[in-house]
Amino acid sequence: MSLSLVGVVALVVLGAAVAAAVHVTGRRAAIRDRDRVFDDVLAVVEDPVVLRRGDGYPELHGRVGGHPVRLRVLVDALVLRKLPVLWLEVVVRRSVPVAGSVSVLLRPHGAEYFSPNARFPHELPTPASFPRPARVAASEPDATPALGLLEPLAGYLAEPGTKEVGLGPGGLRTVRLLASADQGAYRVSRRASFTGARVPLSDVVGAVDVLAPVGDHEHPREITT
């Protein structure tokens, strides 16, 4: 083997090693950043438990305002010709006097994998105070009481970041926009980057407060939305 060929091989090996090191460093930095997604809300969550699942975003369980809560960050890259986004799902375990589950899904496009709305067979008329387009659907045929409980949530639904509100016997589930992928990075690498995404305190407190007018019920059950 000539010296020039040896030099080329050495450069290729060195380049591959550098690329691998950069990849590993970047991956570790991304994991550390994802692990901090709940940093801004930990102060208001009692008995916080952070569940880490591989390289993805963690889950946060705890209590806010005396009610059990679960926070999840959902990556959504299914909509073509749109930037990937992060959704924040907040589930507040609280007894609600309804028999079935109701979902209000805003701006539906059919690819909301995180929502049970499309599986609910009973579509309801959208109240006049709700933003549009929206699909209001229920798991049970007689959802009039639940729809009445949702009416006071019109202001919450009208907030730009709200994607879905679900109401069931065990509480409230909301899905709100957390972040959009970095446009420049996505166009170059087709990889979604959400560096610096942090769950706002207002989203967690707001999700708990919005259920307050509904009131407690005697026998709490598991949420089904």
Protein backbone atom coordinates (compact mmCIF):
# COMPACT_ATOMS: atom_id res chain seq x y z
CA MET A 1 0.00 0.00 0.00
CA SER A 2 1.42 3.37 -0.98
CA LEU A 3 2.00 6.12 1.55
CA SER A 4 -0.57 8.31 -0.15
CA LEU A 5 -3.22 5.61 0.13
CA VAL A 6 -2.34 5.08 3.77
CA GLY A 7 -2.80 8.79 4.35
CA VAL A 8 -6.21 8.75 2.69
CA VAL A 9 -7.33 5.78 4.77
CA ALA A 10 -6.08 7.47 7.93
CA LEU A 11 -8.02 10.63 7.10
CA VAL A 12 -11.18 8.64 6.45
CA VAL A 13 -10.83 6.79 9.76
CA LEU A 14 -10.11 10.04 11.60
CA GLY A 15 -13.10 11.73 10.00
CA ALA A 16 -15.38 8.87 10.97
CA ALA A 17 -14.10 8.97 14.54
CA VAL A 18 -14.67 12.72 14.77
CA ALA A 19 -18.17 12.39 13.32
CA ALA A 20 -19.01 9.64 15.81
CA ALA A 21 -17.71 11.72 18.71
CA VAL A 22 -19.75 14.73 17.58
CA HIS A 23 -22.85 12.55 17.28
CA VAL A 24 -22.43 11.08 20.76
CA THR A 25 -21.78 14.50 22.28
CA GLY A 26 -24.84 15.96 20.56
CA ARG A 27 -27.02 13.06 21.63
CA ARG A 28 -25.97 13.39 25.25
CA ALA A 29 -26.61 17.14 25.18
CA ALA A 30 -30.07 16.56 23.69
CA ILE A 31 -30.94 14.04 26.42
CA ARG A 32 -29.81 16.47 29.13
CA ASP A 33 -31.92 19.19 27.57
CA ARG A 34 -35.01 16.96 27.37
CA ASP A 35 -34.55 15.98 31.01
CA ARG A 36 -34.95 19.66 31.97
CA VAL A 37 -38.29 20.13 30.23
CA PHE A 38 -40.16 20.27 33.57
CA ASP A 39 -37.66 22.45 35.44
CA ASP A 40 -39.94 25.51 35.54
CA VAL A 41 -42.90 23.69 37.12
CA LEU A 42 -41.28 21.49 39.74
CA ALA A 43 -41.73 24.19 42.39
CA VAL A 44 -45.55 23.88 42.27
CA VAL A 45 -45.76 20.09 41.97
CA GLU A 46 -46.01 18.28 45.29
CA ASP A 47 -44.37 14.86 45.60
CA PRO A 48 -42.93 15.06 42.08
CA VAL A 49 -41.89 11.83 40.38
CA VAL A 50 -40.04 12.09 37.07
CA LEU A 51 -40.18 8.96 34.92
CA ARG A 52 -37.49 8.72 32.26
CA ARG A 53 -38.05 6.51 29.24
CA GLY A 54 -34.94 5.96 27.15
CA ASP A 55 -33.86 8.94 25.08
CA GLY A 56 -37.33 10.48 24.91
CA TYR A 57 -38.97 13.12 27.04
CA PRO A 58 -39.71 12.19 30.66
CA GLU A 59 -43.12 12.14 32.35
CA LEU A 60 -43.91 14.06 35.51
CA HIS A 61 -46.34 12.79 38.12
CA GLY A 62 -47.32 14.57 41.32
CA ARG A 63 -50.00 16.76 42.87
CA VAL A 64 -51.05 20.33 42.14
CA GLY A 65 -53.67 22.08 44.25
CA GLY A 66 -54.29 18.81 46.06
CA HIS A 67 -55.10 16.90 42.86
CA PRO A 68 -53.00 14.18 41.23
CA VAL A 69 -51.56 15.28 37.89
CA ARG A 70 -49.62 13.70 35.06
CA LEU A 71 -47.61 15.70 32.53
CA ARG A 72 -46.38 14.25 29.24
CA VAL A 73 -44.55 15.82 26.32
CA LEU A 74 -45.62 14.41 22.95
CA VAL A 75 -43.59 14.70 19.75
CA ASP A 76 -45.79 15.14 16.67
CA ALA A 77 -44.16 14.87 13.26
CA LEU A 78 -47.03 13.23 11.37
CA VAL A 79 -48.44 16.25 9.53
CA LEU A 80 -46.87 16.66 6.10
CA ARG A 81 -45.54 20.03 5.01
CA LYS A 82 -45.59 21.32 8.57
CA LEU A 83 -42.87 21.64 11.17
CA PRO A 84 -42.87 18.97 13.88
CA VAL A 85 -44.26 20.22 17.17
CA LEU A 86 -44.25 19.33 20.84
CA TRP A 87 -47.56 19.00 22.63
CA LEU A 88 -47.94 19.18 26.38
CA GLU A 89 -50.56 16.81 27.79
CA VAL A 90 -51.79 17.60 31.30
CA VAL A 91 -54.09 15.15 33.03
CA VAL A 92 -55.70 16.31 36.27
CA ARG A 93 -57.25 13.49 38.26
CA ARG A 94 -60.40 14.93 39.75
CA SER A 95 -63.91 13.56 40.15
CA VAL A 96 -66.39 15.03 37.64
CA PRO A 97 -70.15 14.25 37.66
CA VAL A 98 -70.40 12.75 34.15
CA ALA A 99 -71.07 9.21 32.96
CA GLY A 100 -68.87 9.15 29.86
CA SER A 101 -66.04 11.05 28.24
CA VAL A 102 -66.21 14.08 25.96
CA SER A 103 -63.42 15.51 23.81
CA VAL A 104 -63.23 18.90 22.15
CA LEU A 105 -60.56 18.75 19.45
CA LEU A 106 -59.63 22.02 17.79
CA ARG A 107 -58.41 22.30 14.19
CA PRO A 108 -58.73 18.54 13.58
CA HIS A 109 -56.79 17.13 10.63
CA GLY A 110 -57.12 13.41 11.28
CA ALA A 111 -53.55 12.67 12.35
CA GLU A 112 -53.86 13.46 16.07
CA TYR A 113 -52.49 10.15 17.34
CA PHE A 114 -52.56 11.48 20.91
CA SER A 115 -56.32 12.13 20.91
CA PRO A 116 -59.23 9.71 21.46
CA ASN A 117 -61.58 12.14 19.68
CA ALA A 118 -61.76 10.25 16.38
CA ARG A 119 -62.64 7.03 18.24
CA PHE A 120 -65.61 8.61 20.01
CA PRO A 121 -68.66 7.65 17.91
CA HIS A 122 -71.11 10.30 19.06
CA GLU A 123 -70.47 13.70 17.49
CA LEU A 124 -72.10 16.64 19.24
CA PRO A 125 -72.99 20.11 17.98
CA THR A 126 -70.24 22.61 18.69
CA PRO A 127 -71.46 25.23 21.18
CA ALA A 128 -71.63 28.73 19.73
CA SER A 129 -69.07 30.02 22.24
CA PHE A 130 -66.41 27.50 21.17
CA PRO A 131 -63.75 28.35 18.59
CA ARG A 132 -63.89 26.71 15.17
CA PRO A 133 -63.06 24.46 13.45
CA ALA A 134 -63.67 21.92 16.20
CA ARG A 135 -65.00 18.42 16.63
CA VAL A 136 -66.93 17.71 19.81
CA ALA A 137 -67.41 14.00 20.38
CA ALA A 138 -68.51 11.72 23.20
CA SER A 139 -67.99 8.10 24.17
CA GLU A 140 -71.64 7.72 25.20
CA PRO A 141 -74.86 8.72 23.40
CA ASP A 142 -76.25 10.97 26.15
CA ALA A 143 -73.50 13.51 26.75
CA THR A 144 -75.68 16.55 27.38
CA PRO A 145 -74.58 16.96 31.05
CA ALA A 146 -70.90 16.76 30.11
CA LEU A 147 -71.35 19.25 27.29
CA GLY A 148 -72.94 21.66 29.75
CA LEU A 149 -69.91 21.36 32.03
CA LEU A 150 -67.64 22.19 29.11
CA GLU A 151 -69.39 25.48 28.30
CA PRO A 152 -67.41 27.47 30.93
CA LEU A 153 -64.19 26.29 29.26
CA ALA A 154 -64.82 28.39 26.13
CA GLY A 155 -62.22 30.97 27.13
CA TYR A 156 -59.61 28.29 27.76
CA LEU A 157 -60.37 26.67 24.42
CA ALA A 158 -59.98 30.02 22.68
CA GLU A 159 -56.40 30.43 23.88
CA PRO A 160 -54.07 30.03 20.86
CA GLY A 161 -52.08 27.15 22.33
CA THR A 162 -55.01 24.92 23.23
CA LYS A 163 -55.45 21.87 20.98
CA GLU A 164 -57.81 19.67 22.97
CA VAL A 165 -59.81 19.48 26.17
CA GLY A 166 -61.17 16.18 27.40
CA LEU A 167 -63.57 15.64 30.27
CA GLY A 168 -64.40 12.34 31.91
CA PRO A 169 -65.53 10.83 35.23
CA GLY A 170 -61.98 10.98 36.56
CA GLY A 171 -61.01 14.52 35.60
CA LEU A 172 -59.65 16.74 32.89
CA ARG A 173 -57.18 16.25 30.09
CA THR A 174 -55.74 19.12 28.10
CA VAL A 175 -53.31 19.21 25.20
CA ARG A 176 -51.52 22.46 24.42
CA LEU A 177 -48.76 23.52 22.06
CA LEU A 178 -45.40 23.54 23.80
CA ALA A 179 -42.91 24.24 21.00
CA SER A 180 -42.30 24.04 17.26
CA ALA A 181 -39.15 22.54 15.79
CA ASP A 182 -36.29 24.82 14.79
CA GLN A 183 -37.07 25.62 11.17
CA GLY A 184 -33.50 26.05 9.96
CA ALA A 185 -32.22 22.84 11.52
CA TYR A 186 -35.20 20.86 10.25
CA ARG A 187 -34.78 22.04 6.67
CA VAL A 188 -31.11 21.08 6.65
CA SER A 189 -31.16 17.75 8.49
CA ARG A 190 -34.88 16.79 8.57
CA ARG A 191 -34.39 16.26 12.29
CA ALA A 192 -36.67 18.00 14.73
CA SER A 193 -34.81 20.10 17.29
CA PHE A 194 -36.66 21.46 20.33
CA THR A 195 -33.64 22.69 22.27
CA GLY A 196 -34.62 24.80 25.25
CA ALA A 197 -38.28 23.74 25.36
CA ARG A 198 -39.62 24.12 28.91
CA VAL A 199 -43.13 23.56 30.23
CA PRO A 200 -44.58 26.93 31.32
CA LEU A 201 -45.85 27.19 34.86
CA SER A 202 -49.03 28.85 33.55
CA ASP A 203 -49.98 25.76 31.53
CA VAL A 204 -49.95 23.51 34.57
CA VAL A 205 -51.66 25.93 36.94
CA GLY A 206 -54.17 26.87 34.24
CA ALA A 207 -55.11 23.24 33.61
CA VAL A 208 -55.91 22.78 37.29
CA ASP A 209 -57.73 26.09 37.65
CA VAL A 210 -59.92 25.56 34.60
CA LEU A 211 -61.56 22.54 36.22
CA ALA A 212 -62.36 24.38 39.46
CA PRO A 213 -65.90 25.46 38.42
CA VAL A 214 -66.81 21.85 37.66
CA GLY A 215 -66.54 20.88 41.32
CA ASP A 216 -65.80 17.66 43.09
CA HIS A 217 -67.90 14.53 42.98
CA GLU A 218 -68.27 11.93 45.65
CA HIS A 219 -66.54 8.96 44.06
CA PRO A 220 -63.53 9.68 41.86
CA ARG A 221 -62.82 7.28 39.05
CA GLU A 222 -60.05 6.87 36.51
CA ILE A 223 -60.12 9.35 33.66
CA THR A 224 -60.94 7.74 30.31
CA THR A 225 -60.31 10.60 27.92
